[in-house]
Amino acid sequence: MYKRIIAAVFAAGLIAAPLPGYAQTTTATPAATDTAKAKPKRAPTPGQLAARERQKKCGAEWQKAKAEGKIEKGMKWPQYWSACNKRLKAGT
């Protein structure tokens, strides 16, 4: 009987006391300190800015054509974007 009581007290003590290796601390994590030392982002290149503008224009065209039902059957955004991007690049 004493063995069961001692085992129950021991088990309760293990459950109540956190293990030192698994205890959570309130100090800053290394990932949080690394972000403060991170390099600043570079500004987009003129080519990247032009690509973003073309994507916005093609997206607006896609939404309009899709709403009007003028999209070819089976065409999805990637195919439309590819064709539209080529067309806008040729015109630019």
PDB file of N, CA and C in Angstrom:
ATOM      1  N   MET A   1       0.822  -1.180   0.000  1.00  0.00           N
ATOM      2  CA  MET A   1       0.000   0.000   0.000  1.00  0.00           C
ATOM      3  C   MET A   1       0.875   1.256   0.000  1.00  0.00           C
ATOM      4  N   TYR A   2       1.956   1.217   0.763  1.00  0.00           N
ATOM      5  CA  TYR A   2       2.846   2.371   0.800  1.00  0.00           C
ATOM      6  C   TYR A   2       3.501   2.610  -0.561  1.00  0.00           C
ATOM      7  N   LYS A   3       3.749   1.543  -1.276  1.00  0.00           N
ATOM      8  CA  LYS A   3       4.366   1.671  -2.593  1.00  0.00           C
ATOM      9  C   LYS A   3       3.453   2.458  -3.537  1.00  0.00           C
ATOM     10  N   ARG A   4       2.162   2.182  -3.462  1.00  0.00           N
ATOM     11  CA  ARG A   4       1.214   2.892  -4.325  1.00  0.00           C
ATOM     12  C   ARG A   4       1.108   4.360  -3.950  1.00  0.00           C
ATOM     13  N   ILE A   5       1.104   4.662  -2.669  1.00  0.00           N
ATOM     14  CA  ILE A   5       1.023   6.052  -2.208  1.00  0.00           C
ATOM     15  C   ILE A   5       2.276   6.807  -2.624  1.00  0.00           C
ATOM     16  N   ILE A   6       3.422   6.207  -2.427  1.00  0.00           N
ATOM     17  CA  ILE A   6       4.686   6.856  -2.798  1.00  0.00           C
ATOM     18  C   ILE A   6       4.747   7.043  -4.315  1.00  0.00           C
ATOM     19  N   ALA A   7       4.326   6.046  -5.073  1.00  0.00           N
ATOM     20  CA  ALA A   7       4.323   6.158  -6.533  1.00  0.00           C
ATOM     21  C   ALA A   7       3.387   7.265  -6.986  1.00  0.00           C
ATOM     22  N   ALA A   8       2.219   7.407  -6.340  1.00  0.00           N
ATOM     23  CA  ALA A   8       1.269   8.457  -6.703  1.00  0.00           C
ATOM     24  C   ALA A   8       1.814   9.836  -6.378  1.00  0.00           C
ATOM     25  N   VAL A   9       2.466   9.983  -5.223  1.00  0.00           N
ATOM     26  CA  VAL A   9       3.052  11.272  -4.847  1.00  0.00           C
ATOM     27  C   VAL A   9       4.192  11.620  -5.793  1.00  0.00           C
ATOM     28  N   PHE A  10       5.009  10.639  -6.130  1.00  0.00           N
ATOM     29  CA  PHE A  10       6.125  10.859  -7.050  1.00  0.00           C
ATOM     30  C   PHE A  10       5.617  11.266  -8.438  1.00  0.00           C
ATOM     31  N   ALA A  11       4.580  10.583  -8.929  1.00  0.00           N
ATOM     32  CA  ALA A  11       4.010  10.900 -10.239  1.00  0.00           C
ATOM     33  C   ALA A  11       3.401  12.298 -10.239  1.00  0.00           C
ATOM     34  N   ALA A  12       2.721  12.661  -9.164  1.00  0.00           N
ATOM     35  CA  ALA A  12       2.133  13.999  -9.068  1.00  0.00           C
ATOM     36  C   ALA A  12       3.223  15.060  -9.052  1.00  0.00           C
ATOM     37  N   GLY A  13       4.317  14.764  -8.384  1.00  0.00           N
ATOM     38  CA  GLY A  13       5.434  15.710  -8.357  1.00  0.00           C
ATOM     39  C   GLY A  13       6.054  15.891  -9.732  1.00  0.00           C
ATOM     40  N   LEU A  14       6.172  14.819 -10.496  1.00  0.00           N
ATOM     41  CA  LEU A  14       6.717  14.915 -11.845  1.00  0.00           C
ATOM     42  C   LEU A  14       5.807  15.701 -12.769  1.00  0.00           C
ATOM     43  N   ILE A  15       4.526  15.526 -12.613  1.00  0.00           N
ATOM     44  CA  ILE A  15       3.572  16.237 -13.458  1.00  0.00           C
ATOM     45  C   ILE A  15       3.561  17.722 -13.117  1.00  0.00           C
ATOM     46  N   ALA A  16       3.643  18.058 -11.840  1.00  0.00           N
ATOM     47  CA  ALA A  16       3.554  19.443 -11.405  1.00  0.00           C
ATOM     48  C   ALA A  16       4.838  20.223 -11.692  1.00  0.00           C
ATOM     49  N   ALA A  17       5.981  19.599 -11.606  1.00  0.00           N
ATOM     50  CA  ALA A  17       7.255  20.304 -11.784  1.00  0.00           C
ATOM     51  C   ALA A  17       7.701  20.199 -13.238  1.00  0.00           C
ATOM     52  N   PRO A  18       7.921  21.341 -13.901  1.00  0.00           N
ATOM     53  CA  PRO A  18       8.389  21.294 -15.285  1.00  0.00           C
ATOM     54  C   PRO A  18       9.856  20.854 -15.330  1.00  0.00           C
ATOM     55  N   LEU A  19      10.210  20.191 -16.402  1.00  0.00           N
ATOM     56  CA  LEU A  19      11.590  19.776 -16.582  1.00  0.00           C
ATOM     57  C   LEU A  19      12.420  20.992 -16.992  1.00  0.00           C
ATOM     58  N   PRO A  20      13.645  21.137 -16.482  1.00  0.00           N
ATOM     59  CA  PRO A  20      14.440  22.324 -16.783  1.00  0.00           C
ATOM     60  C   PRO A  20      14.733  22.500 -18.267  1.00  0.00           C
ATOM     61  N   GLY A  21      14.924  21.442 -18.989  1.00  0.00           N
ATOM     62  CA  GLY A  21      15.229  21.547 -20.411  1.00  0.00           C
ATOM     63  C   GLY A  21      14.045  21.975 -21.255  1.00  0.00           C
ATOM     64  N   TYR A  22      12.855  21.746 -20.762  1.00  0.00           N
ATOM     65  CA  TYR A  22      11.657  22.058 -21.520  1.00  0.00           C
ATOM     66  C   TYR A  22      10.921  23.287 -21.004  1.00  0.00           C
ATOM     67  N   ALA A  23      11.438  23.929 -20.005  1.00  0.00           N
ATOM     68  CA  ALA A  23      10.779  25.114 -19.453  1.00  0.00           C
ATOM     69  C   ALA A  23      10.889  26.258 -20.447  1.00  0.00           C
ATOM     70  N   GLN A  24       9.815  27.011 -20.591  1.00  0.00           N
ATOM     71  CA  GLN A  24       9.822  28.142 -21.505  1.00  0.00           C
ATOM     72  C   GLN A  24      10.448  29.339 -20.817  1.00  0.00           C
ATOM     73  N   THR A  25      11.256  30.051 -21.569  1.00  0.00           N
ATOM     74  CA  THR A  25      11.878  31.257 -21.037  1.00  0.00           C
ATOM     75  C   THR A  25      11.309  32.462 -21.761  1.00  0.00           C
ATOM     76  N   THR A  26      11.478  33.618 -21.167  1.00  0.00           N
ATOM     77  CA  THR A  26      10.951  34.839 -21.760  1.00  0.00           C
ATOM     78  C   THR A  26      12.029  35.627 -22.488  1.00  0.00           C
ATOM     79  N   THR A  27      13.213  35.080 -22.630  1.00  0.00           N
ATOM     80  CA  THR A  27      14.268  35.792 -23.344  1.00  0.00           C
ATOM     81  C   THR A  27      14.003  35.745 -24.833  1.00  0.00           C
ATOM     82  N   ALA A  28      14.618  36.639 -25.568  1.00  0.00           N
ATOM     83  CA  ALA A  28      14.426  36.717 -27.008  1.00  0.00           C
ATOM     84  C   ALA A  28      15.047  35.495 -27.679  1.00  0.00           C
ATOM     85  N   THR A  29      14.376  35.015 -28.697  1.00  0.00           N
ATOM     86  CA  THR A  29      14.892  33.869 -29.433  1.00  0.00           C
ATOM     87  C   THR A  29      15.943  34.348 -30.439  1.00  0.00           C
ATOM     88  N   PRO A  30      16.836  33.487 -30.861  1.00  0.00           N
ATOM     89  CA  PRO A  30      17.838  33.893 -31.837  1.00  0.00           C
ATOM     90  C   PRO A  30      17.226  34.393 -33.139  1.00  0.00           C
ATOM     91  N   ALA A  31      16.084  33.824 -33.558  1.00  0.00           N
ATOM     92  CA  ALA A  31      15.442  34.262 -34.796  1.00  0.00           C
ATOM     93  C   ALA A  31      14.983  35.716 -34.684  1.00  0.00           C
ATOM     94  N   ALA A  32      14.511  36.106 -33.512  1.00  0.00           N
ATOM     95  CA  ALA A  32      14.042  37.478 -33.330  1.00  0.00           C
ATOM     96  C   ALA A  32      15.214  38.455 -33.380  1.00  0.00           C
ATOM     97  N   THR A  33      16.350  38.073 -32.862  1.00  0.00           N
ATOM     98  CA  THR A  33      17.493  38.979 -32.888  1.00  0.00           C
ATOM     99  C   THR A  33      18.121  39.029 -34.269  1.00  0.00           C
ATOM    100  N   ASP A  34      18.000  37.959 -35.054  1.00  0.00           N
ATOM    101  CA  ASP A  34      18.556  37.944 -36.403  1.00  0.00           C
ATOM    102  C   ASP A  34      17.805  38.896 -37.323  1.00  0.00           C
ATOM    103  N   THR A  35      16.505  39.068 -37.104  1.00  0.00           N
ATOM    104  CA  THR A  35      15.738  39.947 -37.976  1.00  0.00           C
ATOM    105  C   THR A  35      16.168  41.398 -37.797  1.00  0.00           C
ATOM    106  N   ALA A  36      16.627  41.760 -36.615  1.00  0.00           N
ATOM    107  CA  ALA A  36      17.081  43.121 -36.393  1.00  0.00           C
ATOM    108  C   ALA A  36      18.394  43.376 -37.145  1.00  0.00           C
ATOM    109  N   LYS A  37      19.185  42.335 -37.329  1.00  0.00           N
ATOM    110  CA  LYS A  37      20.464  42.471 -38.023  1.00  0.00           C
ATOM    111  C   LYS A  37      20.352  42.172 -39.513  1.00  0.00           C
ATOM    112  N   ALA A  38      19.170  41.852 -39.988  1.00  0.00           N
ATOM    113  CA  ALA A  38      18.984  41.468 -41.386  1.00  0.00           C
ATOM    114  C   ALA A  38      19.299  42.643 -42.305  1.00  0.00           C
ATOM    115  N   LYS A  39      19.731  42.298 -43.492  1.00  0.00           N
ATOM    116  CA  LYS A  39      20.046  43.326 -44.483  1.00  0.00           C
ATOM    117  C   LYS A  39      18.764  44.007 -44.934  1.00  0.00           C
ATOM    118  N   PRO A  40      18.820  45.279 -45.206  1.00  0.00           N
ATOM    119  CA  PRO A  40      17.626  45.963 -45.721  1.00  0.00           C
ATOM    120  C   PRO A  40      17.319  45.454 -47.131  1.00  0.00           C
ATOM    121  N   LYS A  41      16.045  45.443 -47.472  1.00  0.00           N
ATOM    122  CA  LYS A  41      15.636  44.966 -48.792  1.00  0.00           C
ATOM    123  C   LYS A  41      16.079  45.957 -49.864  1.00  0.00           C
ATOM    124  N   ARG A  42      16.481  45.396 -50.996  1.00  0.00           N
ATOM    125  CA  ARG A  42      16.870  46.248 -52.113  1.00  0.00           C
ATOM    126  C   ARG A  42      15.622  46.712 -52.859  1.00  0.00           C
ATOM    127  N   ALA A  43      15.743  47.844 -53.476  1.00  0.00           N
ATOM    128  CA  ALA A  43      14.644  48.378 -54.279  1.00  0.00           C
ATOM    129  C   ALA A  43      14.501  47.521 -55.533  1.00  0.00           C
ATOM    130  N   PRO A  44      13.282  47.353 -56.024  1.00  0.00           N
ATOM    131  CA  PRO A  44      13.085  46.560 -57.241  1.00  0.00           C
ATOM    132  C   PRO A  44      13.759  47.223 -58.440  1.00  0.00           C
ATOM    133  N   THR A  45      14.244  46.395 -59.337  1.00  0.00           N
ATOM    134  CA  THR A  45      14.889  46.903 -60.551  1.00  0.00           C
ATOM    135  C   THR A  45      13.827  47.446 -61.496  1.00  0.00           C
ATOM    136  N   PRO A  46      14.230  48.238 -62.484  1.00  0.00           N
ATOM    137  CA  PRO A  46      13.244  48.737 -63.460  1.00  0.00           C
ATOM    138  C   PRO A  46      12.520  47.598 -64.189  1.00  0.00           C
ATOM    139  N   GLY A  47      13.223  46.511 -64.458  1.00  0.00           N
ATOM    140  CA  GLY A  47      12.580  45.364 -65.109  1.00  0.00           C
ATOM    141  C   GLY A  47      11.521  44.734 -64.235  1.00  0.00           C
ATOM    142  N   GLN A  48      11.807  44.634 -62.932  1.00  0.00           N
ATOM    143  CA  GLN A  48      10.823  44.076 -62.010  1.00  0.00           C
ATOM    144  C   GLN A  48       9.602  44.984 -61.901  1.00  0.00           C
ATOM    145  N   LEU A  49       9.838  46.270 -61.856  1.00  0.00           N
ATOM    146  CA  LEU A  49       8.711  47.212 -61.794  1.00  0.00           C
ATOM    147  C   LEU A  49       7.850  47.114 -63.043  1.00  0.00           C
ATOM    148  N   ALA A  50       8.501  46.984 -64.210  1.00  0.00           N
ATOM    149  CA  ALA A  50       7.758  46.863 -65.468  1.00  0.00           C
ATOM    150  C   ALA A  50       6.943  45.566 -65.484  1.00  0.00           C
ATOM    151  N   ALA A  51       7.530  44.478 -64.990  1.00  0.00           N
ATOM    152  CA  ALA A  51       6.822  43.200 -64.955  1.00  0.00           C
ATOM    153  C   ALA A  51       5.600  43.278 -64.043  1.00  0.00           C
ATOM    154  N   ARG A  52       5.750  43.956 -62.928  1.00  0.00           N
ATOM    155  CA  ARG A  52       4.614  44.110 -62.003  1.00  0.00           C
ATOM    156  C   ARG A  52       3.489  44.905 -62.646  1.00  0.00           C
ATOM    157  N   GLU A  53       3.851  45.955 -63.367  1.00  0.00           N
ATOM    158  CA  GLU A  53       2.837  46.763 -64.051  1.00  0.00           C
ATOM    159  C   GLU A  53       2.120  45.938 -65.111  1.00  0.00           C
ATOM    160  N   ARG A  54       2.879  45.151 -65.883  1.00  0.00           N
ATOM    161  CA  ARG A  54       2.257  44.297 -66.896  1.00  0.00           C
ATOM    162  C   ARG A  54       1.325  43.283 -66.241  1.00  0.00           C
ATOM    163  N   GLN A  55       1.737  42.731 -65.110  1.00  0.00           N
ATOM    164  CA  GLN A  55       0.892  41.747 -64.434  1.00  0.00           C
ATOM    165  C   GLN A  55      -0.397  42.390 -63.939  1.00  0.00           C
ATOM    166  N   LYS A  56      -0.306  43.608 -63.434  1.00  0.00           N
ATOM    167  CA  LYS A  56      -1.517  44.309 -62.985  1.00  0.00           C
ATOM    168  C   LYS A  56      -2.458  44.579 -64.157  1.00  0.00           C
ATOM    169  N   LYS A  57      -1.893  45.010 -65.299  1.00  0.00           N
ATOM    170  CA  LYS A  57      -2.723  45.284 -66.473  1.00  0.00           C
ATOM    171  C   LYS A  57      -3.376  44.004 -66.979  1.00  0.00           C
ATOM    172  N   CYS A  58      -2.592  42.939 -67.049  1.00  0.00           N
ATOM    173  CA  CYS A  58      -3.142  41.661 -67.517  1.00  0.00           C
ATOM    174  C   CYS A  58      -4.191  41.130 -66.539  1.00  0.00           C
ATOM    175  N   GLY A  59      -3.975  41.332 -65.263  1.00  0.00           N
ATOM    176  CA  GLY A  59      -4.946  40.896 -64.266  1.00  0.00           C
ATOM    177  C   GLY A  59      -6.268  41.622 -64.417  1.00  0.00           C
ATOM    178  N   ALA A  60      -6.188  42.914 -64.679  1.00  0.00           N
ATOM    179  CA  ALA A  60      -7.414  43.690 -64.880  1.00  0.00           C
ATOM    180  C   ALA A  60      -8.131  43.222 -66.147  1.00  0.00           C
ATOM    181  N   GLU A  61      -7.362  42.981 -67.215  1.00  0.00           N
ATOM    182  CA  GLU A  61      -7.958  42.479 -68.459  1.00  0.00           C
ATOM    183  C   GLU A  61      -8.603  41.111 -68.238  1.00  0.00           C
ATOM    184  N   TRP A  62      -7.915  40.245 -67.486  1.00  0.00           N
ATOM    185  CA  TRP A  62      -8.417  38.893 -67.195  1.00  0.00           C
ATOM    186  C   TRP A  62      -9.746  38.968 -66.462  1.00  0.00           C
ATOM    187  N   GLN A  63      -9.824  39.806 -65.437  1.00  0.00           N
ATOM    188  CA  GLN A  63     -11.060  39.926 -64.659  1.00  0.00           C
ATOM    189  C   GLN A  63     -12.205  40.445 -65.534  1.00  0.00           C
ATOM    190  N   LYS A  64     -11.900  41.424 -66.368  1.00  0.00           N
ATOM    191  CA  LYS A  64     -12.933  41.995 -67.231  1.00  0.00           C
ATOM    192  C   LYS A  64     -13.407  40.969 -68.260  1.00  0.00           C
ATOM    193  N   ALA A  65     -12.455  40.297 -68.909  1.00  0.00           N
ATOM    194  CA  ALA A  65     -12.817  39.310 -69.929  1.00  0.00           C
ATOM    195  C   ALA A  65     -13.551  38.118 -69.305  1.00  0.00           C
ATOM    196  N   LYS A  66     -13.145  37.730 -68.121  1.00  0.00           N
ATOM    197  CA  LYS A  66     -13.789  36.608 -67.443  1.00  0.00           C
ATOM    198  C   LYS A  66     -15.227  36.966 -67.078  1.00  0.00           C
ATOM    199  N   ALA A  67     -15.439  38.197 -66.619  1.00  0.00           N
ATOM    200  CA  ALA A  67     -16.788  38.635 -66.252  1.00  0.00           C
ATOM    201  C   ALA A  67     -17.692  38.706 -67.481  1.00  0.00           C
ATOM    202  N   GLU A  68     -17.116  39.060 -68.622  1.00  0.00           N
ATOM    203  CA  GLU A  68     -17.892  39.172 -69.853  1.00  0.00           C
ATOM    204  C   GLU A  68     -18.020  37.839 -70.582  1.00  0.00           C
ATOM    205  N   GLY A  69     -17.324  36.825 -70.116  1.00  0.00           N
ATOM    206  CA  GLY A  69     -17.399  35.501 -70.744  1.00  0.00           C
ATOM    207  C   GLY A  69     -16.605  35.398 -72.027  1.00  0.00           C
ATOM    208  N   LYS A  70     -15.566  36.211 -72.186  1.00  0.00           N
ATOM    209  CA  LYS A  70     -14.781  36.224 -73.415  1.00  0.00           C
ATOM    210  C   LYS A  70     -13.521  35.357 -73.339  1.00  0.00           C
ATOM    211  N   ILE A  71     -13.346  34.648 -72.266  1.00  0.00           N
ATOM    212  CA  ILE A  71     -12.170  33.787 -72.102  1.00  0.00           C
ATOM    213  C   ILE A  71     -12.414  32.494 -72.871  1.00  0.00           C
ATOM    214  N   GLU A  72     -11.381  32.043 -73.605  1.00  0.00           N
ATOM    215  CA  GLU A  72     -11.500  30.789 -74.341  1.00  0.00           C
ATOM    216  C   GLU A  72     -11.745  29.646 -73.369  1.00  0.00           C
ATOM    217  N   LYS A  73     -12.493  28.664 -73.825  1.00  0.00           N
ATOM    218  CA  LYS A  73     -12.815  27.526 -72.966  1.00  0.00           C
ATOM    219  C   LYS A  73     -11.536  26.767 -72.613  1.00  0.00           C
ATOM    220  N   GLY A  74     -11.371  26.496 -71.337  1.00  0.00           N
ATOM    221  CA  GLY A  74     -10.208  25.755 -70.861  1.00  0.00           C
ATOM    222  C   GLY A  74      -9.014  26.625 -70.515  1.00  0.00           C
ATOM    223  N   MET A  75      -9.038  27.900 -70.863  1.00  0.00           N
ATOM    224  CA  MET A  75      -7.907  28.775 -70.557  1.00  0.00           C
ATOM    225  C   MET A  75      -7.931  29.163 -69.091  1.00  0.00           C
ATOM    226  N   LYS A  76      -6.785  29.080 -68.494  1.00  0.00           N
ATOM    227  CA  LYS A  76      -6.634  29.460 -67.095  1.00  0.00           C
ATOM    228  C   LYS A  76      -5.685  30.651 -67.031  1.00  0.00           C
ATOM    229  N   TRP A  77      -5.553  31.221 -65.836  1.00  0.00           N
ATOM    230  CA  TRP A  77      -4.745  32.425 -65.662  1.00  0.00           C
ATOM    231  C   TRP A  77      -3.305  32.271 -66.163  1.00  0.00           C
ATOM    232  N   PRO A  78      -2.589  31.201 -65.867  1.00  0.00           N
ATOM    233  CA  PRO A  78      -1.200  31.136 -66.344  1.00  0.00           C
ATOM    234  C   PRO A  78      -1.076  31.248 -67.865  1.00  0.00           C
ATOM    235  N   GLN A  79      -1.978  30.610 -68.605  1.00  0.00           N
ATOM    236  CA  GLN A  79      -1.919  30.712 -70.058  1.00  0.00           C
ATOM    237  C   GLN A  79      -2.269  32.124 -70.520  1.00  0.00           C
ATOM    238  N   TYR A  80      -3.269  32.703 -69.885  1.00  0.00           N
ATOM    239  CA  TYR A  80      -3.658  34.072 -70.240  1.00  0.00           C
ATOM    240  C   TYR A  80      -2.532  35.048 -69.937  1.00  0.00           C
ATOM    241  N   TRP A  81      -1.912  34.883 -68.771  1.00  0.00           N
ATOM    242  CA  TRP A  81      -0.816  35.758 -68.359  1.00  0.00           C
ATOM    243  C   TRP A  81       0.341  35.664 -69.337  1.00  0.00           C
ATOM    244  N   SER A  82       0.667  34.464 -69.774  1.00  0.00           N
ATOM    245  CA  SER A  82       1.775  34.277 -70.706  1.00  0.00           C
ATOM    246  C   SER A  82       1.509  35.019 -72.013  1.00  0.00           C
ATOM    247  N   ALA A  83       0.311  34.833 -72.568  1.00  0.00           N
ATOM    248  CA  ALA A  83      -0.039  35.493 -73.832  1.00  0.00           C
ATOM    249  C   ALA A  83      -0.111  37.010 -73.664  1.00  0.00           C
ATOM    250  N   CYS A  84      -0.711  37.455 -72.594  1.00  0.00           N
ATOM    251  CA  CYS A  84      -0.859  38.887 -72.349  1.00  0.00           C
ATOM    252  C   CYS A  84       0.497  39.542 -72.114  1.00  0.00           C
ATOM    253  N   ASN A  85       1.356  38.874 -71.362  1.00  0.00           N
ATOM    254  CA  ASN A  85       2.683  39.412 -71.078  1.00  0.00           C
ATOM    255  C   ASN A  85       3.481  39.571 -72.363  1.00  0.00           C
ATOM    256  N   LYS A  86       3.423  38.564 -73.234  1.00  0.00           N
ATOM    257  CA  LYS A  86       4.137  38.654 -74.527  1.00  0.00           C
ATOM    258  C   LYS A  86       3.597  39.814 -75.352  1.00  0.00           C
ATOM    259  N   ARG A  87       2.282  39.949 -75.355  1.00  0.00           N
ATOM    260  CA  ARG A  87       1.659  41.028 -76.139  1.00  0.00           C
ATOM    261  C   ARG A  87       2.071  42.395 -75.612  1.00  0.00           C
ATOM    262  N   LEU A  88       2.066  42.564 -74.275  1.00  0.00           N
ATOM    263  CA  LEU A  88       2.439  43.853 -73.707  1.00  0.00           C
ATOM    264  C   LEU A  88       3.925  44.148 -73.875  1.00  0.00           C
ATOM    265  N   LYS A  89       4.768  43.128 -73.790  1.00  0.00           N
ATOM    266  CA  LYS A  89       6.196  43.328 -73.999  1.00  0.00           C
ATOM    267  C   LYS A  89       6.471  43.775 -75.427  1.00  0.00           C
ATOM    268  N   ALA A  90       5.779  43.179 -76.371  1.00  0.00           N
ATOM    269  CA  ALA A  90       5.976  43.530 -77.781  1.00  0.00           C
ATOM    270  C   ALA A  90       5.523  44.966 -78.047  1.00  0.00           C
ATOM    271  N   GLY A  91       4.495  45.397 -77.352  1.00  0.00           N
ATOM    272  CA  GLY A  91       3.975  46.753 -77.528  1.00  0.00           C
ATOM    273  C   GLY A  91       4.789  47.801 -76.791  1.00  0.00           C
ATOM    274  N   THR A  92       5.613  47.389 -75.833  1.00  0.00           N
ATOM    275  CA  THR A  92       6.365  48.342 -75.025  1.00  0.00           C
ATOM    276  C   THR A  92       7.666  48.695 -75.649  1.00  0.00           C
TER     277      THR A  92
END
